[in-house]
Amino acid sequence: MSASERTSVHPDQALVREVRAALEWWLGQPTVRPSSSVTGEGSVAVLEALAADLLGVPHALAVPNGTLALRVALDSVGVGVGSEVVVPVLDWRAAVDAVHSLGARAIPVAVDPETLTIDPAAAAAALTPRTTAVVATDLHGVPVDIDALRAVVGAGVPIVEDAAQALGATVRGLPAGSRADAAIVSLGPFKAATAGELGLILTSRRDVFDRSLRLTQHPLRLMLSGLLEPLRGALNGRIAPLVAIHAAHRLHEWGGQRAELEELDRELRADLRGGACPLDSDECRAAPGVVPVLVPRGAGIPRRLPADVLPRQSGADVVARADADSTRWRDLVHRVWVLTRTRHS
């Protein structure tokens, strides 16, 4: 294709091709019940079952986006008017906005300078009788060690894991999001697997799942699930069947690429130079295709990956994002975060 032909193709053509591939994949699947956003059957049920299986939890609920998923997860563990929620000081604003939308107060605490995720000791020190939850954000795909966090905050304080960027991350071999009271994953823009906009609520607690259903789903789905009517203040958090097909296909593709993504991770890590230090570890491994790295000021970045400076989020140490420079990398690697140790160099 010539340069002029490439520039004449509308950017949405890629999206159209992606959706067509998803529909062809769906129509080739075994017959299931008709898809419905009202009942949660068909493609919606397939998506939720696939997500639960991939991410190691018994319950998964799909909602329109990750921010809504976080708000519903917080509500479902008991956050409400007058309560306090401990949050990491270094984070995207979604967690604080979700807390405030429920009439609660966000209490920011320090992050661990080696991982940029919430510092368990700081979280424990911030607990008060009004604390109803702790938000643990897997920033840049680096998973929080939920068991270590729970050991210091106690079993009585629910932990909500914001794993929006951490699809496929693991802690001691277990998927990120599988150990918290509730967790969320995003399939929105710039995520490892994107379906336009979509959020997933993950939990092993049936009470949290049931409340999430009652906050977001149609009364008919609730009835089919053996639940009562929606809760007061419930929102329409359903997704359309076509969105579910697209998202299920993306997760299916991502699951099939995990082995190759992990191999590419190993190649990239072997190519790090200039004192670059991955934020993750063998026990807490970042999401495949997202290798967050701390680099001493003035040091080089991985040789094969060029970097371009991006605007920084408030208080963040992110200074560059390196995008893949070959077709193979572009197809499989979402991004590589290159961080500068500004306060510790």
C-alpha atoms as a PDB file:
ATOM      1  CA  MET A   1       0.000   0.000   0.000  1.00  0.00           C
ATOM      2  CA  SER A   2       1.395   3.414  -0.989  1.00  0.00           C
ATOM      3  CA  ALA A   3       1.790   6.301   1.446  1.00  0.00           C
ATOM      4  CA  SER A   4      -1.097   8.150  -0.226  1.00  0.00           C
ATOM      5  CA  GLU A   5      -3.317   5.098   0.063  1.00  0.00           C
ATOM      6  CA  ARG A   6      -2.432   4.687   3.753  1.00  0.00           C
ATOM      7  CA  THR A   7      -3.324   8.283   4.543  1.00  0.00           C
ATOM      8  CA  SER A   8      -6.658   7.924   2.718  1.00  0.00           C
ATOM      9  CA  VAL A   9      -7.797   5.053   4.970  1.00  0.00           C
ATOM     10  CA  HIS A  10      -9.984   6.242   7.814  1.00  0.00           C
ATOM     11  CA  PRO A  11      -8.517   5.318  11.237  1.00  0.00           C
ATOM     12  CA  ASP A  12     -11.761   3.567  12.167  1.00  0.00           C
ATOM     13  CA  GLN A  13     -11.141   0.984   9.433  1.00  0.00           C
ATOM     14  CA  ALA A  14      -8.957  -0.913  11.902  1.00  0.00           C
ATOM     15  CA  LEU A  15     -11.809  -0.928  14.393  1.00  0.00           C
ATOM     16  CA  VAL A  16     -14.232  -2.151  11.745  1.00  0.00           C
ATOM     17  CA  ARG A  17     -11.877  -4.998  10.812  1.00  0.00           C
ATOM     18  CA  GLU A  18     -11.501  -5.895  14.476  1.00  0.00           C
ATOM     19  CA  VAL A  19     -15.249  -6.007  15.038  1.00  0.00           C
ATOM     20  CA  ARG A  20     -15.810  -8.055  11.874  1.00  0.00           C
ATOM     21  CA  ALA A  21     -13.215 -10.577  13.061  1.00  0.00           C
ATOM     22  CA  ALA A  22     -14.961 -10.735  16.432  1.00  0.00           C
ATOM     23  CA  LEU A  23     -18.355 -11.384  14.808  1.00  0.00           C
ATOM     24  CA  GLU A  24     -16.942 -14.116  12.579  1.00  0.00           C
ATOM     25  CA  TRP A  25     -15.322 -15.713  15.622  1.00  0.00           C
ATOM     26  CA  TRP A  26     -18.583 -15.487  17.579  1.00  0.00           C
ATOM     27  CA  LEU A  27     -20.712 -17.010  14.843  1.00  0.00           C
ATOM     28  CA  GLY A  28     -18.318 -19.953  14.740  1.00  0.00           C
ATOM     29  CA  GLN A  29     -18.825 -20.707  18.429  1.00  0.00           C
ATOM     30  CA  PRO A  30     -21.158 -23.473  19.691  1.00  0.00           C
ATOM     31  CA  THR A  31     -24.793 -22.439  19.971  1.00  0.00           C
ATOM     32  CA  VAL A  32     -25.555 -20.559  23.163  1.00  0.00           C
ATOM     33  CA  ARG A  33     -28.619 -18.812  24.528  1.00  0.00           C
ATOM     34  CA  PRO A  34     -29.571 -15.577  22.727  1.00  0.00           C
ATOM     35  CA  SER A  35     -27.437 -12.612  23.692  1.00  0.00           C
ATOM     36  CA  SER A  36     -29.172 -10.016  25.847  1.00  0.00           C
ATOM     37  CA  SER A  37     -28.024  -7.092  27.965  1.00  0.00           C
ATOM     38  CA  VAL A  38     -31.275  -7.503  29.914  1.00  0.00           C
ATOM     39  CA  THR A  39     -30.768 -11.122  30.994  1.00  0.00           C
ATOM     40  CA  GLY A  40     -26.963 -11.203  30.858  1.00  0.00           C
ATOM     41  CA  GLU A  41     -27.093 -14.324  28.707  1.00  0.00           C
ATOM     42  CA  GLY A  42     -25.392 -15.235  25.436  1.00  0.00           C
ATOM     43  CA  SER A  43     -22.312 -13.153  24.638  1.00  0.00           C
ATOM     44  CA  VAL A  44     -22.461 -11.333  27.987  1.00  0.00           C
ATOM     45  CA  ALA A  45     -22.340 -14.616  29.906  1.00  0.00           C
ATOM     46  CA  VAL A  46     -19.547 -15.967  27.675  1.00  0.00           C
ATOM     47  CA  LEU A  47     -17.459 -12.827  28.237  1.00  0.00           C
ATOM     48  CA  GLU A  48     -17.919 -12.954  32.004  1.00  0.00           C
ATOM     49  CA  ALA A  49     -17.124 -16.672  32.193  1.00  0.00           C
ATOM     50  CA  LEU A  50     -14.006 -16.200  30.040  1.00  0.00           C
ATOM     51  CA  ALA A  51     -12.822 -13.314  32.219  1.00  0.00           C
ATOM     52  CA  ALA A  52     -13.412 -15.257  35.436  1.00  0.00           C
ATOM     53  CA  ASP A  53     -11.466 -18.223  34.086  1.00  0.00           C
ATOM     54  CA  LEU A  54      -8.523 -16.171  32.790  1.00  0.00           C
ATOM     55  CA  LEU A  55      -8.266 -14.079  35.943  1.00  0.00           C
ATOM     56  CA  GLY A  56      -8.747 -16.798  38.520  1.00  0.00           C
ATOM     57  CA  VAL A  57     -11.973 -15.773  40.263  1.00  0.00           C
ATOM     58  CA  PRO A  58     -15.399 -17.397  40.534  1.00  0.00           C
ATOM     59  CA  HIS A  59     -17.311 -14.209  39.677  1.00  0.00           C
ATOM     60  CA  ALA A  60     -16.835 -11.587  36.953  1.00  0.00           C
ATOM     61  CA  LEU A  61     -19.272  -8.850  35.969  1.00  0.00           C
ATOM     62  CA  ALA A  62     -18.935  -6.696  32.846  1.00  0.00           C
ATOM     63  CA  VAL A  63     -19.882  -3.009  32.985  1.00  0.00           C
ATOM     64  CA  PRO A  64     -19.382  -0.168  30.484  1.00  0.00           C
ATOM     65  CA  ASN A  65     -15.985   1.076  31.729  1.00  0.00           C
ATOM     66  CA  GLY A  66     -13.299   0.680  34.360  1.00  0.00           C
ATOM     67  CA  THR A  67     -14.207   3.809  36.327  1.00  0.00           C
ATOM     68  CA  LEU A  68     -17.779   2.614  36.829  1.00  0.00           C
ATOM     69  CA  ALA A  69     -16.413  -0.820  37.753  1.00  0.00           C
ATOM     70  CA  LEU A  70     -14.277   0.787  40.461  1.00  0.00           C
ATOM     71  CA  ARG A  71     -17.186   2.812  41.832  1.00  0.00           C
ATOM     72  CA  VAL A  72     -19.440  -0.253  41.963  1.00  0.00           C
ATOM     73  CA  ALA A  73     -16.705  -2.388  43.559  1.00  0.00           C
ATOM     74  CA  LEU A  74     -16.167   0.205  46.284  1.00  0.00           C
ATOM     75  CA  ASP A  75     -19.906   0.480  46.916  1.00  0.00           C
ATOM     76  CA  SER A  76     -20.191  -3.309  47.045  1.00  0.00           C
ATOM     77  CA  VAL A  77     -17.591  -3.664  49.815  1.00  0.00           C
ATOM     78  CA  GLY A  78     -19.341  -1.062  51.963  1.00  0.00           C
ATOM     79  CA  VAL A  79     -17.987   2.367  51.013  1.00  0.00           C
ATOM     80  CA  GLY A  80     -20.583   5.077  51.537  1.00  0.00           C
ATOM     81  CA  VAL A  81     -21.330   8.545  52.860  1.00  0.00           C
ATOM     82  CA  GLY A  82     -19.022   9.548  55.702  1.00  0.00           C
ATOM     83  CA  SER A  83     -16.575   6.669  55.335  1.00  0.00           C
ATOM     84  CA  GLU A  84     -12.854   6.877  54.584  1.00  0.00           C
ATOM     85  CA  VAL A  85     -10.944   5.032  51.868  1.00  0.00           C
ATOM     86  CA  VAL A  86      -7.156   4.749  51.889  1.00  0.00           C
ATOM     87  CA  VAL A  87      -5.711   5.361  48.404  1.00  0.00           C
ATOM     88  CA  PRO A  88      -2.149   5.588  47.012  1.00  0.00           C
ATOM     89  CA  VAL A  89      -0.930   9.139  46.542  1.00  0.00           C
ATOM     90  CA  LEU A  90       0.503   8.253  43.124  1.00  0.00           C
ATOM     91  CA  ASP A  91      -2.357   7.131  40.911  1.00  0.00           C
ATOM     92  CA  TRP A  92      -4.741   8.020  38.120  1.00  0.00           C
ATOM     93  CA  ARG A  93      -7.648  10.084  39.450  1.00  0.00           C
ATOM     94  CA  ALA A  94     -10.321   7.395  38.926  1.00  0.00           C
ATOM     95  CA  ALA A  95      -9.993   5.958  42.443  1.00  0.00           C
ATOM     96  CA  VAL A  96     -10.374   9.322  44.180  1.00  0.00           C
ATOM     97  CA  ASP A  97     -13.276  10.302  41.915  1.00  0.00           C
ATOM     98  CA  ALA A  98     -15.031   6.989  42.604  1.00  0.00           C
ATOM     99  CA  VAL A  99     -14.585   7.452  46.362  1.00  0.00           C
ATOM    100  CA  HIS A 100     -15.922  11.009  46.272  1.00  0.00           C
ATOM    101  CA  SER A 101     -18.892   9.998  44.122  1.00  0.00           C
ATOM    102  CA  LEU A 102     -20.011   7.727  46.968  1.00  0.00           C
ATOM    103  CA  GLY A 103     -19.844  10.547  49.519  1.00  0.00           C
ATOM    104  CA  ALA A 104     -16.711   9.117  51.122  1.00  0.00           C
ATOM    105  CA  ARG A 105     -13.340  10.721  51.821  1.00  0.00           C
ATOM    106  CA  ALA A 106     -10.117   9.622  50.111  1.00  0.00           C
ATOM    107  CA  ILE A 107      -7.085   9.386  52.409  1.00  0.00           C
ATOM    108  CA  PRO A 108      -3.880   9.452  50.293  1.00  0.00           C
ATOM    109  CA  VAL A 109      -0.834   7.557  51.579  1.00  0.00           C
ATOM    110  CA  ALA A 110       2.719   7.057  50.367  1.00  0.00           C
ATOM    111  CA  VAL A 111       3.784   4.536  47.767  1.00  0.00           C
ATOM    112  CA  ASP A 112       6.770   2.212  47.924  1.00  0.00           C
ATOM    113  CA  PRO A 113       9.587   3.975  45.996  1.00  0.00           C
ATOM    114  CA  GLU A 114      10.781   0.654  44.592  1.00  0.00           C
ATOM    115  CA  THR A 115       7.432  -0.411  43.072  1.00  0.00           C
ATOM    116  CA  LEU A 116       5.362   2.812  42.994  1.00  0.00           C
ATOM    117  CA  THR A 117       2.437   0.834  44.471  1.00  0.00           C
ATOM    118  CA  ILE A 118       0.812   1.512  47.839  1.00  0.00           C
ATOM    119  CA  ASP A 119       3.108   1.199  50.874  1.00  0.00           C
ATOM    120  CA  PRO A 120       1.494  -1.361  53.233  1.00  0.00           C
ATOM    121  CA  ALA A 121       2.926   0.279  56.359  1.00  0.00           C
ATOM    122  CA  ALA A 122       1.636   3.699  55.302  1.00  0.00           C
ATOM    123  CA  ALA A 123      -1.780   2.216  54.555  1.00  0.00           C
ATOM    124  CA  ALA A 124      -1.942   0.573  57.978  1.00  0.00           C
ATOM    125  CA  ALA A 125      -0.934   3.817  59.715  1.00  0.00           C
ATOM    126  CA  ALA A 126      -3.795   5.676  57.997  1.00  0.00           C
ATOM    127  CA  LEU A 127      -6.561   3.352  59.223  1.00  0.00           C
ATOM    128  CA  THR A 128      -9.243   4.822  61.498  1.00  0.00           C
ATOM    129  CA  PRO A 129     -12.597   3.541  62.781  1.00  0.00           C
ATOM    130  CA  ARG A 130     -14.151   5.207  59.697  1.00  0.00           C
ATOM    131  CA  THR A 131     -11.989   3.306  57.181  1.00  0.00           C
ATOM    132  CA  THR A 132     -14.168   1.078  55.003  1.00  0.00           C
ATOM    133  CA  ALA A 133     -11.690   0.080  52.288  1.00  0.00           C
ATOM    134  CA  VAL A 134      -8.151   0.310  50.948  1.00  0.00           C
ATOM    135  CA  VAL A 135      -7.567   0.819  47.215  1.00  0.00           C
ATOM    136  CA  ALA A 136      -4.504  -1.006  45.897  1.00  0.00           C
ATOM    137  CA  THR A 137      -3.625   0.189  42.385  1.00  0.00           C
ATOM    138  CA  ASP A 138      -1.412  -1.938  40.140  1.00  0.00           C
ATOM    139  CA  LEU A 139       0.235   1.139  38.671  1.00  0.00           C
ATOM    140  CA  HIS A 140       1.904   0.610  35.272  1.00  0.00           C
ATOM    141  CA  GLY A 141       0.910  -3.051  35.442  1.00  0.00           C
ATOM    142  CA  VAL A 142       2.964  -3.773  38.588  1.00  0.00           C
ATOM    143  CA  PRO A 143       0.737  -5.879  40.866  1.00  0.00           C
ATOM    144  CA  VAL A 144       0.315  -5.142  44.555  1.00  0.00           C
ATOM    145  CA  ASP A 145       1.071  -8.045  46.879  1.00  0.00           C
ATOM    146  CA  ILE A 146      -2.451  -8.227  48.298  1.00  0.00           C
ATOM    147  CA  ASP A 147      -1.594 -10.882  50.882  1.00  0.00           C
ATOM    148  CA  ALA A 148       1.226  -8.729  52.263  1.00  0.00           C
ATOM    149  CA  LEU A 149      -1.072  -5.686  52.343  1.00  0.00           C
ATOM    150  CA  ARG A 150      -3.813  -7.640  54.103  1.00  0.00           C
ATOM    151  CA  ALA A 151      -1.358  -8.871  56.701  1.00  0.00           C
ATOM    152  CA  VAL A 152      -0.842  -5.308  57.930  1.00  0.00           C
ATOM    153  CA  VAL A 153      -4.269  -3.722  57.405  1.00  0.00           C
ATOM    154  CA  GLY A 154      -6.141  -6.705  58.841  1.00  0.00           C
ATOM    155  CA  ALA A 155      -8.860  -8.994  57.573  1.00  0.00           C
ATOM    156  CA  GLY A 156     -11.617  -6.603  58.601  1.00  0.00           C
ATOM    157  CA  VAL A 157     -10.769  -3.893  56.054  1.00  0.00           C
ATOM    158  CA  PRO A 158     -11.792  -4.762  52.484  1.00  0.00           C
ATOM    159  CA  ILE A 159      -9.163  -4.327  49.782  1.00  0.00           C
ATOM    160  CA  VAL A 160     -10.238  -3.200  46.317  1.00  0.00           C
ATOM    161  CA  GLU A 161      -7.552  -3.797  43.699  1.00  0.00           C
ATOM    162  CA  ASP A 162      -7.467  -1.452  40.733  1.00  0.00           C
ATOM    163  CA  ALA A 163      -5.904  -3.800  38.192  1.00  0.00           C
ATOM    164  CA  ALA A 164      -6.994  -1.694  35.211  1.00  0.00           C
ATOM    165  CA  GLN A 165      -3.461  -1.810  33.738  1.00  0.00           C
ATOM    166  CA  ALA A 166      -2.538  -5.247  35.059  1.00  0.00           C
ATOM    167  CA  LEU A 167      -4.241  -7.791  32.821  1.00  0.00           C
ATOM    168  CA  GLY A 168      -2.075 -10.906  33.099  1.00  0.00           C
ATOM    169  CA  ALA A 169       0.123  -9.674  35.956  1.00  0.00           C
ATOM    170  CA  THR A 170       0.821 -12.273  38.632  1.00  0.00           C
ATOM    171  CA  VAL A 171       1.826 -12.489  42.286  1.00  0.00           C
ATOM    172  CA  ARG A 172       3.463 -15.804  43.174  1.00  0.00           C
ATOM    173  CA  GLY A 173       1.819 -17.283  40.102  1.00  0.00           C
ATOM    174  CA  LEU A 174      -1.708 -16.058  40.932  1.00  0.00           C
ATOM    175  CA  PRO A 175      -3.440 -13.525  38.636  1.00  0.00           C
ATOM    176  CA  ALA A 176      -3.613  -9.915  39.758  1.00  0.00           C
ATOM    177  CA  GLY A 177      -7.125  -9.257  40.991  1.00  0.00           C
ATOM    178  CA  SER A 178      -7.703 -12.744  42.329  1.00  0.00           C
ATOM    179  CA  ARG A 179      -6.751 -12.106  45.984  1.00  0.00           C
ATOM    180  CA  ALA A 180      -8.576  -8.859  46.834  1.00  0.00           C
ATOM    181  CA  ASP A 181     -12.121  -8.590  48.174  1.00  0.00           C
ATOM    182  CA  ALA A 182     -12.962  -7.014  44.831  1.00  0.00           C
ATOM    183  CA  ALA A 183     -10.887  -6.005  41.831  1.00  0.00           C
ATOM    184  CA  ILE A 184     -11.398  -4.313  38.499  1.00  0.00           C
ATOM    185  CA  VAL A 185      -9.777  -4.729  35.095  1.00  0.00           C
ATOM    186  CA  SER A 186     -10.172  -2.344  32.174  1.00  0.00           C
ATOM    187  CA  LEU A 187     -10.445  -3.172  28.500  1.00  0.00           C
ATOM    188  CA  GLY A 188     -10.495   0.529  27.667  1.00  0.00           C
ATOM    189  CA  PRO A 189      -8.062   2.647  25.632  1.00  0.00           C
ATOM    190  CA  PHE A 190      -4.322   2.023  26.043  1.00  0.00           C
ATOM    191  CA  LYS A 191      -4.879  -1.241  27.918  1.00  0.00           C
ATOM    192  CA  ALA A 192      -3.256  -4.591  27.138  1.00  0.00           C
ATOM    193  CA  ALA A 193      -6.473  -5.811  25.494  1.00  0.00           C
ATOM    194  CA  THR A 194      -8.873  -3.077  24.497  1.00  0.00           C
ATOM    195  CA  ALA A 195     -12.475  -3.385  23.393  1.00  0.00           C
ATOM    196  CA  GLY A 196     -13.109   0.332  23.081  1.00  0.00           C
ATOM    197  CA  GLU A 197     -14.506   0.805  26.584  1.00  0.00           C
ATOM    198  CA  LEU A 198     -15.266  -1.952  29.091  1.00  0.00           C
ATOM    199  CA  GLY A 199     -14.718  -2.706  32.760  1.00  0.00           C
ATOM    200  CA  LEU A 200     -14.745  -6.002  34.635  1.00  0.00           C
ATOM    201  CA  ILE A 201     -15.525  -6.422  38.329  1.00  0.00           C
ATOM    202  CA  LEU A 202     -13.805  -9.501  39.771  1.00  0.00           C
ATOM    203  CA  THR A 203     -14.452 -11.102  43.145  1.00  0.00           C
ATOM    204  CA  SER A 204     -14.401 -14.341  45.081  1.00  0.00           C
ATOM    205  CA  ARG A 205     -17.056 -13.022  47.465  1.00  0.00           C
ATOM    206  CA  ARG A 206     -20.614 -13.895  46.531  1.00  0.00           C
ATOM    207  CA  ASP A 207     -22.018 -11.014  48.596  1.00  0.00           C
ATOM    208  CA  VAL A 208     -19.884  -8.506  46.685  1.00  0.00           C
ATOM    209  CA  PHE A 209     -20.912 -10.004  43.355  1.00  0.00           C
ATOM    210  CA  ASP A 210     -24.612  -9.992  44.261  1.00  0.00           C
ATOM    211  CA  ARG A 211     -24.510  -6.363  45.370  1.00  0.00           C
ATOM    212  CA  SER A 212     -22.656  -5.420  42.177  1.00  0.00           C
ATOM    213  CA  LEU A 213     -25.407  -7.128  40.175  1.00  0.00           C
ATOM    214  CA  ARG A 214     -28.101  -5.262  42.093  1.00  0.00           C
ATOM    215  CA  LEU A 215     -26.324  -1.947  41.500  1.00  0.00           C
ATOM    216  CA  THR A 216     -25.943  -2.337  37.730  1.00  0.00           C
ATOM    217  CA  GLN A 217     -28.175  -4.972  36.136  1.00  0.00           C
ATOM    218  CA  HIS A 218     -31.737  -5.240  34.838  1.00  0.00           C
ATOM    219  CA  PRO A 219     -34.396  -6.651  37.216  1.00  0.00           C
ATOM    220  CA  LEU A 220     -34.882  -9.624  34.882  1.00  0.00           C
ATOM    221  CA  ARG A 221     -31.242 -10.678  35.253  1.00  0.00           C
ATOM    222  CA  LEU A 222     -31.569 -10.255  39.004  1.00  0.00           C
ATOM    223  CA  MET A 223     -34.655 -12.450  39.035  1.00  0.00           C
ATOM    224  CA  LEU A 224     -32.904 -15.127  36.975  1.00  0.00           C
ATOM    225  CA  SER A 225     -30.016 -14.926  39.472  1.00  0.00           C
ATOM    226  CA  GLY A 226     -32.356 -15.407  42.431  1.00  0.00           C
ATOM    227  CA  LEU A 227     -31.928 -11.842  43.672  1.00  0.00           C
ATOM    228  CA  LEU A 228     -34.382  -9.166  44.740  1.00  0.00           C
ATOM    229  CA  GLU A 229     -35.043  -5.924  42.906  1.00  0.00           C
ATOM    230  CA  PRO A 230     -32.262  -3.391  42.218  1.00  0.00           C
ATOM    231  CA  LEU A 231     -30.900  -1.399  45.139  1.00  0.00           C
ATOM    232  CA  ARG A 232     -31.925   2.192  45.670  1.00  0.00           C
ATOM    233  CA  GLY A 233     -29.540   4.388  43.684  1.00  0.00           C
ATOM    234  CA  ALA A 234     -28.753   1.600  41.211  1.00  0.00           C
ATOM    235  CA  LEU A 235     -27.387   2.600  37.805  1.00  0.00           C
ATOM    236  CA  ASN A 236     -27.764   1.104  34.351  1.00  0.00           C
ATOM    237  CA  GLY A 237     -24.413  -0.628  34.151  1.00  0.00           C
ATOM    238  CA  ARG A 238     -25.262  -3.126  31.415  1.00  0.00           C
ATOM    239  CA  ILE A 239     -23.230  -3.665  28.259  1.00  0.00           C
ATOM    240  CA  ALA A 240     -24.573  -4.272  24.763  1.00  0.00           C
ATOM    241  CA  PRO A 241     -24.239  -7.787  23.282  1.00  0.00           C
ATOM    242  CA  LEU A 242     -22.037  -6.524  20.415  1.00  0.00           C
ATOM    243  CA  VAL A 243     -19.658  -4.965  22.956  1.00  0.00           C
ATOM    244  CA  ALA A 244     -19.568  -8.297  24.787  1.00  0.00           C
ATOM    245  CA  ILE A 245     -18.704 -10.159  21.563  1.00  0.00           C
ATOM    246  CA  HIS A 246     -15.900  -7.702  20.787  1.00  0.00           C
ATOM    247  CA  ALA A 247     -14.517  -7.907  24.337  1.00  0.00           C
ATOM    248  CA  ALA A 248     -14.771 -11.708  24.527  1.00  0.00           C
ATOM    249  CA  HIS A 249     -12.870 -11.996  21.254  1.00  0.00           C
ATOM    250  CA  ARG A 250     -10.162  -9.630  22.485  1.00  0.00           C
ATOM    251  CA  LEU A 251      -9.743 -11.637  25.703  1.00  0.00           C
ATOM    252  CA  HIS A 252      -9.707 -14.866  23.714  1.00  0.00           C
ATOM    253  CA  GLU A 253      -6.965 -13.490  21.437  1.00  0.00           C
ATOM    254  CA  TRP A 254      -4.997 -12.131  24.379  1.00  0.00           C
ATOM    255  CA  GLY A 255      -5.166 -15.485  26.150  1.00  0.00           C
ATOM    256  CA  GLY A 256      -3.753 -17.178  23.058  1.00  0.00           C
ATOM    257  CA  GLN A 257      -0.877 -14.672  22.861  1.00  0.00           C
ATOM    258  CA  ARG A 258       0.242 -14.888  26.491  1.00  0.00           C
ATOM    259  CA  ALA A 259       3.067 -17.356  25.872  1.00  0.00           C
ATOM    260  CA  GLU A 260       4.526 -15.183  23.112  1.00  0.00           C
ATOM    261  CA  LEU A 261       4.072 -12.041  25.184  1.00  0.00           C
ATOM    262  CA  GLU A 262       5.965 -13.640  28.051  1.00  0.00           C
ATOM    263  CA  GLU A 263       8.765 -14.630  25.682  1.00  0.00           C
ATOM    264  CA  LEU A 264       8.968 -11.060  24.391  1.00  0.00           C
ATOM    265  CA  ASP A 265       9.123  -9.873  27.993  1.00  0.00           C
ATOM    266  CA  ARG A 266      12.134 -12.103  28.571  1.00  0.00           C
ATOM    267  CA  GLU A 267      13.813 -10.727  25.435  1.00  0.00           C
ATOM    268  CA  LEU A 268      13.183  -7.157  26.518  1.00  0.00           C
ATOM    269  CA  ARG A 269      14.440  -7.702  30.052  1.00  0.00           C
ATOM    270  CA  ALA A 270      17.630  -9.221  28.658  1.00  0.00           C
ATOM    271  CA  ASP A 271      18.049  -6.086  26.525  1.00  0.00           C
ATOM    272  CA  LEU A 272      17.824  -3.584  29.390  1.00  0.00           C
ATOM    273  CA  ARG A 273      20.947  -1.504  29.890  1.00  0.00           C
ATOM    274  CA  GLY A 274      22.314   1.517  31.727  1.00  0.00           C
ATOM    275  CA  GLY A 275      21.301   0.328  35.202  1.00  0.00           C
ATOM    276  CA  ALA A 276      17.621   0.029  34.282  1.00  0.00           C
ATOM    277  CA  CYS A 277      15.740  -1.790  37.009  1.00  0.00           C
ATOM    278  CA  PRO A 278      12.303  -3.362  36.463  1.00  0.00           C
ATOM    279  CA  LEU A 279       9.796  -2.305  39.099  1.00  0.00           C
ATOM    280  CA  ASP A 280       8.431  -5.813  39.287  1.00  0.00           C
ATOM    281  CA  SER A 281      10.092  -8.980  40.575  1.00  0.00           C
ATOM    282  CA  ASP A 282       9.934 -12.723  40.111  1.00  0.00           C
ATOM    283  CA  GLU A 283       7.234 -12.868  42.805  1.00  0.00           C
ATOM    284  CA  CYS A 284       5.262  -9.858  41.570  1.00  0.00           C
ATOM    285  CA  ARG A 285       5.457  -9.917  37.776  1.00  0.00           C
ATOM    286  CA  ALA A 286       3.955  -7.068  35.736  1.00  0.00           C
ATOM    287  CA  ALA A 287       1.420  -7.642  33.003  1.00  0.00           C
ATOM    288  CA  PRO A 288       2.847  -9.356  29.885  1.00  0.00           C
ATOM    289  CA  GLY A 289       3.761  -6.752  27.296  1.00  0.00           C
ATOM    290  CA  VAL A 290       4.072  -4.007  29.905  1.00  0.00           C
ATOM    291  CA  VAL A 291       7.580  -3.864  31.377  1.00  0.00           C
ATOM    292  CA  PRO A 292       7.814  -0.903  33.764  1.00  0.00           C
ATOM    293  CA  VAL A 293      11.403   0.162  34.335  1.00  0.00           C
ATOM    294  CA  LEU A 294      13.239   2.581  36.623  1.00  0.00           C
ATOM    295  CA  VAL A 295      16.223   4.199  34.946  1.00  0.00           C
ATOM    296  CA  PRO A 296      18.829   6.362  36.698  1.00  0.00           C
ATOM    297  CA  ARG A 297      18.790   9.904  35.352  1.00  0.00           C
ATOM    298  CA  GLY A 298      20.808  10.141  32.144  1.00  0.00           C
ATOM    299  CA  ALA A 299      20.891   6.394  31.542  1.00  0.00           C
ATOM    300  CA  GLY A 300      19.808   4.787  28.303  1.00  0.00           C
ATOM    301  CA  ILE A 301      16.562   2.965  27.682  1.00  0.00           C
ATOM    302  CA  PRO A 302      16.258  -0.483  26.085  1.00  0.00           C
ATOM    303  CA  ARG A 303      18.176  -0.407  22.815  1.00  0.00           C
ATOM    304  CA  ARG A 304      15.462  -1.710  20.542  1.00  0.00           C
ATOM    305  CA  LEU A 305      12.783   0.707  21.729  1.00  0.00           C
ATOM    306  CA  PRO A 306      12.712   4.427  20.912  1.00  0.00           C
ATOM    307  CA  ALA A 307      11.070   6.748  23.435  1.00  0.00           C
ATOM    308  CA  ASP A 308       8.986   9.865  23.125  1.00  0.00           C
ATOM    309  CA  VAL A 309       8.236  12.240  25.971  1.00  0.00           C
ATOM    310  CA  LEU A 310       4.645  12.215  27.162  1.00  0.00           C
ATOM    311  CA  PRO A 311       2.783  14.620  29.449  1.00  0.00           C
ATOM    312  CA  ARG A 312       3.107  13.480  33.041  1.00  0.00           C
ATOM    313  CA  GLN A 313       0.186  12.817  35.343  1.00  0.00           C
ATOM    314  CA  SER A 314       0.312  14.859  38.544  1.00  0.00           C
ATOM    315  CA  GLY A 315       3.101  13.672  40.831  1.00  0.00           C
ATOM    316  CA  ALA A 316       4.077  10.803  38.570  1.00  0.00           C
ATOM    317  CA  ASP A 317       7.605   9.774  37.653  1.00  0.00           C
ATOM    318  CA  VAL A 318       6.583   8.756  34.154  1.00  0.00           C
ATOM    319  CA  VAL A 319       8.651  10.611  31.577  1.00  0.00           C
ATOM    320  CA  ALA A 320       8.628   8.453  28.485  1.00  0.00           C
ATOM    321  CA  ARG A 321       6.753   5.703  26.792  1.00  0.00           C
ATOM    322  CA  ALA A 322       8.622   3.459  24.424  1.00  0.00           C
ATOM    323  CA  ASP A 323       6.562   2.108  21.561  1.00  0.00           C
ATOM    324  CA  ALA A 324       7.402  -0.964  19.554  1.00  0.00           C
ATOM    325  CA  ASP A 325       9.512  -0.404  16.456  1.00  0.00           C
ATOM    326  CA  SER A 326       8.623  -3.518  14.509  1.00  0.00           C
ATOM    327  CA  THR A 327       5.391  -5.090  13.318  1.00  0.00           C
ATOM    328  CA  ARG A 328       5.869  -8.021  15.666  1.00  0.00           C
ATOM    329  CA  TRP A 329       6.242  -5.766  18.689  1.00  0.00           C
ATOM    330  CA  ARG A 330       3.399  -3.468  17.689  1.00  0.00           C
ATOM    331  CA  ASP A 331       1.034  -6.399  17.321  1.00  0.00           C
ATOM    332  CA  LEU A 332       1.838  -7.930  20.694  1.00  0.00           C
ATOM    333  CA  VAL A 333       3.347  -5.389  23.063  1.00  0.00           C
ATOM    334  CA  HIS A 334       1.040  -2.776  24.512  1.00  0.00           C
ATOM    335  CA  ARG A 335       3.703  -0.441  25.881  1.00  0.00           C
ATOM    336  CA  VAL A 336       6.852  -0.241  27.945  1.00  0.00           C
ATOM    337  CA  TRP A 337       6.900   2.384  30.685  1.00  0.00           C
ATOM    338  CA  VAL A 338      10.301   3.971  31.260  1.00  0.00           C
ATOM    339  CA  LEU A 339      10.460   5.750  34.614  1.00  0.00           C
ATOM    340  CA  THR A 340      13.115   8.055  36.005  1.00  0.00           C
ATOM    341  CA  ARG A 341      14.126   7.761  39.650  1.00  0.00           C
ATOM    342  CA  THR A 342      13.907  11.511  40.206  1.00  0.00           C
ATOM    343  CA  ARG A 343      13.966  11.540  43.997  1.00  0.00           C
ATOM    344  CA  HIS A 344      16.281   8.602  44.538  1.00  0.00           C
ATOM    345  CA  SER A 345      19.062   8.984  41.938  1.00  0.00           C
END
